[in-house]
């Protein structure tokens, strides 16, 4: 029987299928081949990607994935958490809409999920990218993948693309509550809360990408919600030697330790679910950087994940994007 309910698809960045060099290489090849992510001319980028970056980076990145992988289930934390988010949101929406999830890179792929929903009879589909701050490298890339999937369909469904939510009151409230809950569970008090966002080449912002402004606005609103906390902003996850958004997270941590700051907590507002960048890059590498520079206590607040405030936020966003359909 055809399912006439509207559907909602949660979309996150993606993950390799396994923590092996071969699987990571396939994943990185797809990710770094996206023209939204790397704007270097193909004639220059292709030899560099296939001849240098993938052979060198895939084994190192696979080792990092192994450090956070759930070897019992065979899935990465990002896949597991996104699946739980979708299940929890489905409970909240009940029979009003069907909830599915997809990844921009890797599986389940956006085109496969859209085809499955369309085959099941869903003619109205909202796609919600789980990127609070808009960037062409993330949100627009999802839009590209949705458009590519639709271009292959004779009978297309009506599709909506969810808006960024960097300044949504429920998002800021959920972040603030997450910080309070995290700090309450520590046996020490952070002197600084570092809001670390995924990095972006400075050139992208100069060409009109609003990502930096969105990150700054999220941080400003978070400071209003947590006036008792000293909140700093930084950017992580650089690739290559070009100029990226500053200040860099690792440099801020070194500077804080040099100033005599001994206790730091980190929050990662650009990530809707814990993943390699939060669990390994911040939870392990950044912690080591801070302590090696003279810091003592270091912690990372979990992403919103499928926490009660996180799922409440997803419901608000879902009902916003499905307005008029449910």
C-alpha atoms as a PDB file:
ATOM      1  CA  UNK A   1       0.000   0.000   0.000  1.00  0.00           C
ATOM      2  CA  UNK A   2       1.269   3.463  -0.865  1.00  0.00           C
ATOM      3  CA  UNK A   3       2.311   5.658   2.075  1.00  0.00           C
ATOM      4  CA  UNK A   4       0.785   9.099   1.540  1.00  0.00           C
ATOM      5  CA  UNK A   5       2.325  10.705   4.625  1.00  0.00           C
ATOM      6  CA  UNK A   6       5.004  13.360   4.154  1.00  0.00           C
ATOM      7  CA  UNK A   7       8.533  12.200   4.922  1.00  0.00           C
ATOM      8  CA  UNK A   8      11.485  13.892   6.569  1.00  0.00           C
ATOM      9  CA  UNK A   9      15.109  12.941   5.879  1.00  0.00           C
ATOM     10  CA  UNK A  10      17.832  13.835   8.384  1.00  0.00           C
ATOM     11  CA  UNK A  11      21.152  14.269   6.563  1.00  0.00           C
ATOM     12  CA  UNK A  12      24.616  14.333   8.090  1.00  0.00           C
ATOM     13  CA  UNK A  13      28.073  14.380   6.538  1.00  0.00           C
ATOM     14  CA  UNK A  14      28.916  10.687   6.396  1.00  0.00           C
ATOM     15  CA  UNK A  15      31.317   7.974   7.425  1.00  0.00           C
ATOM     16  CA  UNK A  16      33.394   5.214   5.884  1.00  0.00           C
ATOM     17  CA  UNK A  17      31.859   1.743   5.990  1.00  0.00           C
ATOM     18  CA  UNK A  18      34.771   0.375   8.002  1.00  0.00           C
ATOM     19  CA  UNK A  19      37.877   1.693   9.797  1.00  0.00           C
ATOM     20  CA  UNK A  20      40.179   0.321   7.123  1.00  0.00           C
ATOM     21  CA  UNK A  21      42.474   2.159   4.735  1.00  0.00           C
ATOM     22  CA  UNK A  22      40.512   0.893   1.722  1.00  0.00           C
ATOM     23  CA  UNK A  23      37.123   1.977   3.092  1.00  0.00           C
ATOM     24  CA  UNK A  24      38.452   5.333   4.266  1.00  0.00           C
ATOM     25  CA  UNK A  25      40.064   5.900   0.872  1.00  0.00           C
ATOM     26  CA  UNK A  26      36.694   5.331  -0.873  1.00  0.00           C
ATOM     27  CA  UNK A  27      35.014   7.712   1.546  1.00  0.00           C
ATOM     28  CA  UNK A  28      37.665  10.421   1.243  1.00  0.00           C
ATOM     29  CA  UNK A  29      37.669  10.095  -2.551  1.00  0.00           C
ATOM     30  CA  UNK A  30      33.946  10.867  -2.663  1.00  0.00           C
ATOM     31  CA  UNK A  31      34.209  13.664  -0.093  1.00  0.00           C
ATOM     32  CA  UNK A  32      37.248  15.379  -1.586  1.00  0.00           C
ATOM     33  CA  UNK A  33      35.880  15.049  -5.138  1.00  0.00           C
ATOM     34  CA  UNK A  34      32.926  17.290  -4.275  1.00  0.00           C
ATOM     35  CA  UNK A  35      33.378  20.623  -6.069  1.00  0.00           C
ATOM     36  CA  UNK A  36      31.645  22.329  -3.145  1.00  0.00           C
ATOM     37  CA  UNK A  37      34.364  21.082  -0.799  1.00  0.00           C
ATOM     38  CA  UNK A  38      37.429  21.618  -2.985  1.00  0.00           C
ATOM     39  CA  UNK A  39      37.276  24.412  -5.543  1.00  0.00           C
ATOM     40  CA  UNK A  40      40.725  23.848  -7.022  1.00  0.00           C
ATOM     41  CA  UNK A  41      40.631  23.203 -10.809  1.00  0.00           C
ATOM     42  CA  UNK A  42      40.350  19.469 -11.494  1.00  0.00           C
ATOM     43  CA  UNK A  43      43.487  19.415 -13.641  1.00  0.00           C
ATOM     44  CA  UNK A  44      45.478  20.541 -10.607  1.00  0.00           C
ATOM     45  CA  UNK A  45      43.519  18.763  -7.887  1.00  0.00           C
ATOM     46  CA  UNK A  46      43.119  15.305  -9.436  1.00  0.00           C
ATOM     47  CA  UNK A  47      46.813  14.318  -9.513  1.00  0.00           C
ATOM     48  CA  UNK A  48      47.301  15.724  -6.012  1.00  0.00           C
ATOM     49  CA  UNK A  49      44.248  13.928  -4.623  1.00  0.00           C
ATOM     50  CA  UNK A  50      44.924  10.517  -6.168  1.00  0.00           C
ATOM     51  CA  UNK A  51      48.692  10.603  -6.162  1.00  0.00           C
ATOM     52  CA  UNK A  52      49.458  12.156  -2.782  1.00  0.00           C
ATOM     53  CA  UNK A  53      46.513  12.856  -0.455  1.00  0.00           C
ATOM     54  CA  UNK A  54      44.565   9.599  -0.643  1.00  0.00           C
ATOM     55  CA  UNK A  55      47.584   7.252  -0.410  1.00  0.00           C
ATOM     56  CA  UNK A  56      48.991   9.151   2.582  1.00  0.00           C
ATOM     57  CA  UNK A  57      45.851  10.283   4.365  1.00  0.00           C
ATOM     58  CA  UNK A  58      43.694   7.154   4.163  1.00  0.00           C
ATOM     59  CA  UNK A  59      45.871   4.920   6.412  1.00  0.00           C
ATOM     60  CA  UNK A  60      46.329   7.691   9.004  1.00  0.00           C
ATOM     61  CA  UNK A  61      42.618   8.533   9.048  1.00  0.00           C
ATOM     62  CA  UNK A  62      41.696   4.839   9.286  1.00  0.00           C
ATOM     63  CA  UNK A  63      43.806   4.556  12.444  1.00  0.00           C
ATOM     64  CA  UNK A  64      41.893   7.489  13.934  1.00  0.00           C
ATOM     65  CA  UNK A  65      38.572   5.874  13.068  1.00  0.00           C
ATOM     66  CA  UNK A  66      39.662   2.648  14.754  1.00  0.00           C
ATOM     67  CA  UNK A  67      40.163   4.602  17.984  1.00  0.00           C
ATOM     68  CA  UNK A  68      36.486   5.598  18.114  1.00  0.00           C
ATOM     69  CA  UNK A  69      34.799   2.788  16.139  1.00  0.00           C
ATOM     70  CA  UNK A  70      32.135   0.571  17.674  1.00  0.00           C
ATOM     71  CA  UNK A  71      33.725  -2.741  16.753  1.00  0.00           C
ATOM     72  CA  UNK A  72      30.770  -4.727  18.151  1.00  0.00           C
ATOM     73  CA  UNK A  73      28.195  -3.179  15.832  1.00  0.00           C
ATOM     74  CA  UNK A  74      30.615  -2.470  12.993  1.00  0.00           C
ATOM     75  CA  UNK A  75      29.438   1.139  12.704  1.00  0.00           C
ATOM     76  CA  UNK A  76      30.897   4.548  13.360  1.00  0.00           C
ATOM     77  CA  UNK A  77      29.474   6.704  16.172  1.00  0.00           C
ATOM     78  CA  UNK A  78      28.057   9.149  13.619  1.00  0.00           C
ATOM     79  CA  UNK A  79      25.978   6.458  11.913  1.00  0.00           C
ATOM     80  CA  UNK A  80      24.746   5.014  15.190  1.00  0.00           C
ATOM     81  CA  UNK A  81      23.796   8.386  16.640  1.00  0.00           C
ATOM     82  CA  UNK A  82      22.041   9.571  13.471  1.00  0.00           C
ATOM     83  CA  UNK A  83      20.008   6.368  13.416  1.00  0.00           C
ATOM     84  CA  UNK A  84      19.020   6.951  17.048  1.00  0.00           C
ATOM     85  CA  UNK A  85      18.110  10.565  16.307  1.00  0.00           C
ATOM     86  CA  UNK A  86      15.811   9.447  13.493  1.00  0.00           C
ATOM     87  CA  UNK A  87      14.189   6.786  15.672  1.00  0.00           C
ATOM     88  CA  UNK A  88      13.624   9.239  18.531  1.00  0.00           C
ATOM     89  CA  UNK A  89      12.189  11.838  16.163  1.00  0.00           C
ATOM     90  CA  UNK A  90       9.882   9.221  14.641  1.00  0.00           C
ATOM     91  CA  UNK A  91       8.486   8.563  18.118  1.00  0.00           C
ATOM     92  CA  UNK A  92       7.839  12.276  18.595  1.00  0.00           C
ATOM     93  CA  UNK A  93       6.132  12.725  15.226  1.00  0.00           C
ATOM     94  CA  UNK A  94       4.287   9.423  15.513  1.00  0.00           C
ATOM     95  CA  UNK A  95       2.145   8.760  12.428  1.00  0.00           C
ATOM     96  CA  UNK A  96       2.218  12.374  11.213  1.00  0.00           C
ATOM     97  CA  UNK A  97       5.287  11.789   9.040  1.00  0.00           C
ATOM     98  CA  UNK A  98       7.846   9.141   8.220  1.00  0.00           C
ATOM     99  CA  UNK A  99      11.411   9.845   9.356  1.00  0.00           C
ATOM    100  CA  UNK A 100      14.428   8.548   7.452  1.00  0.00           C
ATOM    101  CA  UNK A 101      18.118   9.418   7.476  1.00  0.00           C
ATOM    102  CA  UNK A 102      20.942   9.633   4.977  1.00  0.00           C
ATOM    103  CA  UNK A 103      24.575  10.621   4.611  1.00  0.00           C
ATOM    104  CA  UNK A 104      26.002  13.062   2.096  1.00  0.00           C
ATOM    105  CA  UNK A 105      29.023  10.805   1.605  1.00  0.00           C
ATOM    106  CA  UNK A 106      29.047   7.058   2.123  1.00  0.00           C
ATOM    107  CA  UNK A 107      25.897   5.128   2.963  1.00  0.00           C
ATOM    108  CA  UNK A 108      22.964   5.334   3.204  1.00  0.00           C
ATOM    109  CA  UNK A 109      23.245   7.722   0.271  1.00  0.00           C
ATOM    110  CA  UNK A 110      20.805  10.565  -0.287  1.00  0.00           C
ATOM    111  CA  UNK A 111      19.717   9.367  -3.729  1.00  0.00           C
ATOM    112  CA  UNK A 112      19.035   5.841  -2.474  1.00  0.00           C
ATOM    113  CA  UNK A 113      16.920   7.105   0.431  1.00  0.00           C
ATOM    114  CA  UNK A 114      14.933   9.468  -1.802  1.00  0.00           C
ATOM    115  CA  UNK A 115      14.286   6.663  -4.290  1.00  0.00           C
ATOM    116  CA  UNK A 116      13.130   4.369  -1.483  1.00  0.00           C
ATOM    117  CA  UNK A 117      10.763   6.985  -0.072  1.00  0.00           C
ATOM    118  CA  UNK A 118       9.370   7.808  -3.516  1.00  0.00           C
ATOM    119  CA  UNK A 119       8.856   4.123  -4.307  1.00  0.00           C
ATOM    120  CA  UNK A 120       6.925   3.793  -1.034  1.00  0.00           C
ATOM    121  CA  UNK A 121       4.529   6.511  -2.178  1.00  0.00           C
ATOM    122  CA  UNK A 122       5.799   9.586  -0.365  1.00  0.00           C
ATOM    123  CA  UNK A 123       5.110  12.578  -2.617  1.00  0.00           C
ATOM    124  CA  UNK A 124       6.147  15.293  -0.123  1.00  0.00           C
ATOM    125  CA  UNK A 125       9.639  15.052   1.338  1.00  0.00           C
ATOM    126  CA  UNK A 126      11.502  17.522   3.567  1.00  0.00           C
ATOM    127  CA  UNK A 127      15.286  17.189   3.735  1.00  0.00           C
ATOM    128  CA  UNK A 128      16.873  18.521   6.923  1.00  0.00           C
ATOM    129  CA  UNK A 129      20.666  18.954   6.764  1.00  0.00           C
ATOM    130  CA  UNK A 130      22.040  18.618  10.287  1.00  0.00           C
ATOM    131  CA  UNK A 131      24.372  21.587   9.834  1.00  0.00           C
ATOM    132  CA  UNK A 132      23.339  24.440  12.151  1.00  0.00           C
ATOM    133  CA  UNK A 133      25.596  26.963  10.402  1.00  0.00           C
ATOM    134  CA  UNK A 134      25.146  27.249   6.633  1.00  0.00           C
ATOM    135  CA  UNK A 135      28.092  26.686   4.316  1.00  0.00           C
ATOM    136  CA  UNK A 136      28.223  25.940   0.615  1.00  0.00           C
ATOM    137  CA  UNK A 137      30.507  23.024   1.543  1.00  0.00           C
ATOM    138  CA  UNK A 138      27.780  21.379   3.618  1.00  0.00           C
ATOM    139  CA  UNK A 139      24.192  22.586   3.191  1.00  0.00           C
ATOM    140  CA  UNK A 140      24.582  23.520  -0.476  1.00  0.00           C
ATOM    141  CA  UNK A 141      26.306  20.215  -1.149  1.00  0.00           C
ATOM    142  CA  UNK A 142      23.251  18.414   0.245  1.00  0.00           C
ATOM    143  CA  UNK A 143      21.068  20.507  -2.057  1.00  0.00           C
ATOM    144  CA  UNK A 144      23.257  19.453  -4.986  1.00  0.00           C
ATOM    145  CA  UNK A 145      22.865  15.780  -4.078  1.00  0.00           C
ATOM    146  CA  UNK A 146      19.090  16.149  -3.750  1.00  0.00           C
ATOM    147  CA  UNK A 147      18.891  17.904  -7.122  1.00  0.00           C
ATOM    148  CA  UNK A 148      20.999  15.183  -8.740  1.00  0.00           C
ATOM    149  CA  UNK A 149      18.701  12.506  -7.324  1.00  0.00           C
ATOM    150  CA  UNK A 150      15.588  14.326  -8.565  1.00  0.00           C
ATOM    151  CA  UNK A 151      17.078  14.822 -12.016  1.00  0.00           C
ATOM    152  CA  UNK A 152      16.981  11.054 -12.539  1.00  0.00           C
ATOM    153  CA  UNK A 153      13.285  10.766 -11.604  1.00  0.00           C
ATOM    154  CA  UNK A 154      10.438  10.902 -14.098  1.00  0.00           C
ATOM    155  CA  UNK A 155       7.837  11.480 -11.369  1.00  0.00           C
ATOM    156  CA  UNK A 156       9.448  13.757  -8.822  1.00  0.00           C
ATOM    157  CA  UNK A 157       8.141  14.312  -5.310  1.00  0.00           C
ATOM    158  CA  UNK A 158       7.747  17.794  -3.870  1.00  0.00           C
ATOM    159  CA  UNK A 159      10.947  18.441  -1.911  1.00  0.00           C
ATOM    160  CA  UNK A 160      11.851  21.088   0.654  1.00  0.00           C
ATOM    161  CA  UNK A 161      15.362  21.786   1.914  1.00  0.00           C
ATOM    162  CA  UNK A 162      15.609  22.699   5.584  1.00  0.00           C
ATOM    163  CA  UNK A 163      17.039  26.071   6.587  1.00  0.00           C
ATOM    164  CA  UNK A 164      20.123  26.493   8.806  1.00  0.00           C
ATOM    165  CA  UNK A 165      19.360  26.908  12.486  1.00  0.00           C
ATOM    166  CA  UNK A 166      22.445  28.601  13.920  1.00  0.00           C
ATOM    167  CA  UNK A 167      20.315  31.181  15.757  1.00  0.00           C
ATOM    168  CA  UNK A 168      17.221  29.099  16.516  1.00  0.00           C
ATOM    169  CA  UNK A 169      16.209  29.642  20.169  1.00  0.00           C
ATOM    170  CA  UNK A 170      15.726  25.906  20.729  1.00  0.00           C
ATOM    171  CA  UNK A 171      19.221  25.216  19.379  1.00  0.00           C
ATOM    172  CA  UNK A 172      20.856  27.788  21.638  1.00  0.00           C
ATOM    173  CA  UNK A 173      18.835  26.562  24.624  1.00  0.00           C
ATOM    174  CA  UNK A 174      19.840  22.957  23.929  1.00  0.00           C
ATOM    175  CA  UNK A 175      23.519  23.894  23.637  1.00  0.00           C
ATOM    176  CA  UNK A 176      23.381  25.859  26.887  1.00  0.00           C
ATOM    177  CA  UNK A 177      21.641  23.020  28.710  1.00  0.00           C
ATOM    178  CA  UNK A 178      24.223  20.579  27.387  1.00  0.00           C
ATOM    179  CA  UNK A 179      27.019  22.750  28.776  1.00  0.00           C
ATOM    180  CA  UNK A 180      25.325  23.022  32.175  1.00  0.00           C
ATOM    181  CA  UNK A 181      24.778  19.271  32.366  1.00  0.00           C
ATOM    182  CA  UNK A 182      28.352  18.554  31.318  1.00  0.00           C
ATOM    183  CA  UNK A 183      29.927  20.970  33.790  1.00  0.00           C
ATOM    184  CA  UNK A 184      27.706  19.668  36.585  1.00  0.00           C
ATOM    185  CA  UNK A 185      29.205  16.211  36.062  1.00  0.00           C
ATOM    186  CA  UNK A 186      32.807  17.377  36.416  1.00  0.00           C
ATOM    187  CA  UNK A 187      34.723  17.393  39.695  1.00  0.00           C
ATOM    188  CA  UNK A 188      36.489  20.570  38.563  1.00  0.00           C
ATOM    189  CA  UNK A 189      35.250  23.823  37.051  1.00  0.00           C
ATOM    190  CA  UNK A 190      36.403  24.998  33.604  1.00  0.00           C
ATOM    191  CA  UNK A 191      37.936  28.454  33.490  1.00  0.00           C
ATOM    192  CA  UNK A 192      37.223  28.697  29.759  1.00  0.00           C
ATOM    193  CA  UNK A 193      34.642  27.089  27.502  1.00  0.00           C
ATOM    194  CA  UNK A 194      36.043  26.860  23.986  1.00  0.00           C
ATOM    195  CA  UNK A 195      33.443  26.729  21.199  1.00  0.00           C
ATOM    196  CA  UNK A 196      35.316  24.874  18.445  1.00  0.00           C
ATOM    197  CA  UNK A 197      33.728  24.907  14.976  1.00  0.00           C
ATOM    198  CA  UNK A 198      34.745  22.988  11.884  1.00  0.00           C
ATOM    199  CA  UNK A 199      37.158  25.046   9.821  1.00  0.00           C
ATOM    200  CA  UNK A 200      36.640  26.573   6.377  1.00  0.00           C
ATOM    201  CA  UNK A 201      39.095  28.134   3.917  1.00  0.00           C
ATOM    202  CA  UNK A 202      39.194  31.905   4.323  1.00  0.00           C
ATOM    203  CA  UNK A 203      38.799  32.258   0.558  1.00  0.00           C
ATOM    204  CA  UNK A 204      35.334  30.686   0.717  1.00  0.00           C
ATOM    205  CA  UNK A 205      34.137  33.390   3.100  1.00  0.00           C
ATOM    206  CA  UNK A 206      35.633  36.089   0.877  1.00  0.00           C
ATOM    207  CA  UNK A 207      33.523  34.672  -1.972  1.00  0.00           C
ATOM    208  CA  UNK A 208      30.334  35.054   0.053  1.00  0.00           C
ATOM    209  CA  UNK A 209      29.980  31.988   2.277  1.00  0.00           C
ATOM    210  CA  UNK A 210      28.104  33.057   5.477  1.00  0.00           C
ATOM    211  CA  UNK A 211      29.577  30.289   7.642  1.00  0.00           C
ATOM    212  CA  UNK A 212      31.898  32.484   9.710  1.00  0.00           C
ATOM    213  CA  UNK A 213      29.120  34.969  10.448  1.00  0.00           C
ATOM    214  CA  UNK A 214      26.817  32.123  11.486  1.00  0.00           C
ATOM    215  CA  UNK A 215      29.460  30.684  13.844  1.00  0.00           C
ATOM    216  CA  UNK A 216      30.011  34.092  15.400  1.00  0.00           C
ATOM    217  CA  UNK A 217      26.273  34.580  15.870  1.00  0.00           C
ATOM    218  CA  UNK A 218      25.878  31.173  17.516  1.00  0.00           C
ATOM    219  CA  UNK A 219      28.722  32.039  19.888  1.00  0.00           C
ATOM    220  CA  UNK A 220      27.228  35.453  20.670  1.00  0.00           C
ATOM    221  CA  UNK A 221      23.872  33.907  21.527  1.00  0.00           C
ATOM    222  CA  UNK A 222      25.536  31.184  23.574  1.00  0.00           C
ATOM    223  CA  UNK A 223      27.340  33.859  25.600  1.00  0.00           C
ATOM    224  CA  UNK A 224      23.983  35.499  26.279  1.00  0.00           C
ATOM    225  CA  UNK A 225      22.549  32.164  27.427  1.00  0.00           C
ATOM    226  CA  UNK A 226      25.586  31.423  29.638  1.00  0.00           C
ATOM    227  CA  UNK A 227      26.740  34.827  30.946  1.00  0.00           C
ATOM    228  CA  UNK A 228      28.610  33.191  33.809  1.00  0.00           C
ATOM    229  CA  UNK A 229      30.943  31.326  31.433  1.00  0.00           C
ATOM    230  CA  UNK A 230      34.041  32.664  29.628  1.00  0.00           C
ATOM    231  CA  UNK A 231      33.335  31.443  26.092  1.00  0.00           C
ATOM    232  CA  UNK A 232      35.982  31.656  23.348  1.00  0.00           C
ATOM    233  CA  UNK A 233      35.627  30.771  19.655  1.00  0.00           C
ATOM    234  CA  UNK A 234      37.991  28.734  17.469  1.00  0.00           C
ATOM    235  CA  UNK A 235      38.107  26.593  14.320  1.00  0.00           C
ATOM    236  CA  UNK A 236      39.437  23.061  13.855  1.00  0.00           C
ATOM    237  CA  UNK A 237      39.911  20.464  11.083  1.00  0.00           C
ATOM    238  CA  UNK A 238      42.124  22.191   8.541  1.00  0.00           C
ATOM    239  CA  UNK A 239      43.240  20.559   5.294  1.00  0.00           C
ATOM    240  CA  UNK A 240      46.271  21.789   3.390  1.00  0.00           C
ATOM    241  CA  UNK A 241      48.482  24.823   3.914  1.00  0.00           C
ATOM    242  CA  UNK A 242      46.130  27.591   2.798  1.00  0.00           C
ATOM    243  CA  UNK A 243      44.644  30.158   5.157  1.00  0.00           C
ATOM    244  CA  UNK A 244      41.581  28.909   7.027  1.00  0.00           C
ATOM    245  CA  UNK A 245      39.283  30.649   9.479  1.00  0.00           C
ATOM    246  CA  UNK A 246      41.105  31.654  12.629  1.00  0.00           C
ATOM    247  CA  UNK A 247      41.858  31.362  15.470  1.00  0.00           C
ATOM    248  CA  UNK A 248      42.837  27.697  15.168  1.00  0.00           C
ATOM    249  CA  UNK A 249      41.683  25.472  18.026  1.00  0.00           C
ATOM    250  CA  UNK A 250      45.093  23.945  18.696  1.00  0.00           C
ATOM    251  CA  UNK A 251      46.736  27.383  18.835  1.00  0.00           C
ATOM    252  CA  UNK A 252      44.070  28.737  21.203  1.00  0.00           C
ATOM    253  CA  UNK A 253      44.597  25.781  23.540  1.00  0.00           C
ATOM    254  CA  UNK A 254      48.363  26.332  23.556  1.00  0.00           C
ATOM    255  CA  UNK A 255      47.867  30.037  24.232  1.00  0.00           C
ATOM    256  CA  UNK A 256      45.433  29.382  27.080  1.00  0.00           C
ATOM    257  CA  UNK A 257      47.886  27.008  28.733  1.00  0.00           C
ATOM    258  CA  UNK A 258      50.679  29.568  28.289  1.00  0.00           C
ATOM    259  CA  UNK A 259      48.473  32.152  30.036  1.00  0.00           C
ATOM    260  CA  UNK A 260      48.170  29.837  33.027  1.00  0.00           C
ATOM    261  CA  UNK A 261      44.701  28.481  32.314  1.00  0.00           C
ATOM    262  CA  UNK A 262      44.592  24.967  33.758  1.00  0.00           C
ATOM    263  CA  UNK A 263      40.973  23.908  33.204  1.00  0.00           C
ATOM    264  CA  UNK A 264      39.248  23.948  29.812  1.00  0.00           C
ATOM    265  CA  UNK A 265      36.081  22.424  28.427  1.00  0.00           C
ATOM    266  CA  UNK A 266      35.253  22.333  24.735  1.00  0.00           C
ATOM    267  CA  UNK A 267      31.895  22.423  22.990  1.00  0.00           C
ATOM    268  CA  UNK A 268      31.523  21.694  19.261  1.00  0.00           C
ATOM    269  CA  UNK A 269      28.378  23.566  18.144  1.00  0.00           C
ATOM    270  CA  UNK A 270      28.761  22.864  14.413  1.00  0.00           C
ATOM    271  CA  UNK A 271      28.291  19.114  14.903  1.00  0.00           C
ATOM    272  CA  UNK A 272      24.821  17.663  15.528  1.00  0.00           C
ATOM    273  CA  UNK A 273      26.268  14.252  16.445  1.00  0.00           C
ATOM    274  CA  UNK A 274      29.568  13.062  17.833  1.00  0.00           C
ATOM    275  CA  UNK A 275      31.968  11.901  15.164  1.00  0.00           C
ATOM    276  CA  UNK A 276      35.661  11.661  14.302  1.00  0.00           C
ATOM    277  CA  UNK A 277      36.134  15.424  14.624  1.00  0.00           C
ATOM    278  CA  UNK A 278      34.660  15.605  18.125  1.00  0.00           C
ATOM    279  CA  UNK A 279      35.676  12.270  19.637  1.00  0.00           C
ATOM    280  CA  UNK A 280      39.169  11.871  18.202  1.00  0.00           C
ATOM    281  CA  UNK A 281      40.339  15.282  17.017  1.00  0.00           C
ATOM    282  CA  UNK A 282      39.086  17.138  20.095  1.00  0.00           C
ATOM    283  CA  UNK A 283      38.634  14.370  22.664  1.00  0.00           C
ATOM    284  CA  UNK A 284      42.084  12.851  22.096  1.00  0.00           C
ATOM    285  CA  UNK A 285      44.342  15.111  20.002  1.00  0.00           C
ATOM    286  CA  UNK A 286      43.275  18.483  21.394  1.00  0.00           C
ATOM    287  CA  UNK A 287      43.362  17.132  24.938  1.00  0.00           C
ATOM    288  CA  UNK A 288      46.939  16.002  24.403  1.00  0.00           C
ATOM    289  CA  UNK A 289      47.856  19.389  22.907  1.00  0.00           C
ATOM    290  CA  UNK A 290      46.454  21.273  25.895  1.00  0.00           C
ATOM    291  CA  UNK A 291      48.104  19.089  28.510  1.00  0.00           C
ATOM    292  CA  UNK A 292      51.442  19.063  26.684  1.00  0.00           C
ATOM    293  CA  UNK A 293      51.359  22.870  26.737  1.00  0.00           C
ATOM    294  CA  UNK A 294      50.872  22.926  30.530  1.00  0.00           C
ATOM    295  CA  UNK A 295      47.121  22.576  30.947  1.00  0.00           C
ATOM    296  CA  UNK A 296      45.675  20.087  33.412  1.00  0.00           C
ATOM    297  CA  UNK A 297      41.957  19.366  33.199  1.00  0.00           C
ATOM    298  CA  UNK A 298      40.309  19.008  29.791  1.00  0.00           C
ATOM    299  CA  UNK A 299      36.862  17.791  28.792  1.00  0.00           C
ATOM    300  CA  UNK A 300      34.566  17.771  25.773  1.00  0.00           C
ATOM    301  CA  UNK A 301      30.829  18.300  26.131  1.00  0.00           C
ATOM    302  CA  UNK A 302      28.906  15.744  24.068  1.00  0.00           C
ATOM    303  CA  UNK A 303      27.125  16.952  20.962  1.00  0.00           C
ATOM    304  CA  UNK A 304      23.349  17.220  21.205  1.00  0.00           C
ATOM    305  CA  UNK A 305      23.100  13.709  19.735  1.00  0.00           C
ATOM    306  CA  UNK A 306      19.844  12.001  20.755  1.00  0.00           C
ATOM    307  CA  UNK A 307      19.647  13.728  24.131  1.00  0.00           C
ATOM    308  CA  UNK A 308      16.242  14.990  25.236  1.00  0.00           C
ATOM    309  CA  UNK A 309      17.066  18.644  24.365  1.00  0.00           C
ATOM    310  CA  UNK A 310      18.603  17.511  21.065  1.00  0.00           C
ATOM    311  CA  UNK A 311      15.558  15.513  20.005  1.00  0.00           C
ATOM    312  CA  UNK A 312      13.238  18.322  21.129  1.00  0.00           C
ATOM    313  CA  UNK A 313      15.189  20.619  18.820  1.00  0.00           C
ATOM    314  CA  UNK A 314      14.868  18.153  15.935  1.00  0.00           C
ATOM    315  CA  UNK A 315      11.125  18.028  16.470  1.00  0.00           C
ATOM    316  CA  UNK A 316      10.857  21.818  16.323  1.00  0.00           C
ATOM    317  CA  UNK A 317      12.918  21.901  13.152  1.00  0.00           C
ATOM    318  CA  UNK A 318      10.954  19.032  11.623  1.00  0.00           C
ATOM    319  CA  UNK A 319       7.600  20.662  12.309  1.00  0.00           C
ATOM    320  CA  UNK A 320       8.943  23.929  10.862  1.00  0.00           C
ATOM    321  CA  UNK A 321      10.006  22.235   7.625  1.00  0.00           C
ATOM    322  CA  UNK A 322       6.853  20.101   7.419  1.00  0.00           C
ATOM    323  CA  UNK A 323       4.498  23.022   8.115  1.00  0.00           C
ATOM    324  CA  UNK A 324       1.365  22.756   5.991  1.00  0.00           C
ATOM    325  CA  UNK A 325       2.029  19.092   5.296  1.00  0.00           C
ATOM    326  CA  UNK A 326       1.198  17.789   8.770  1.00  0.00           C
END
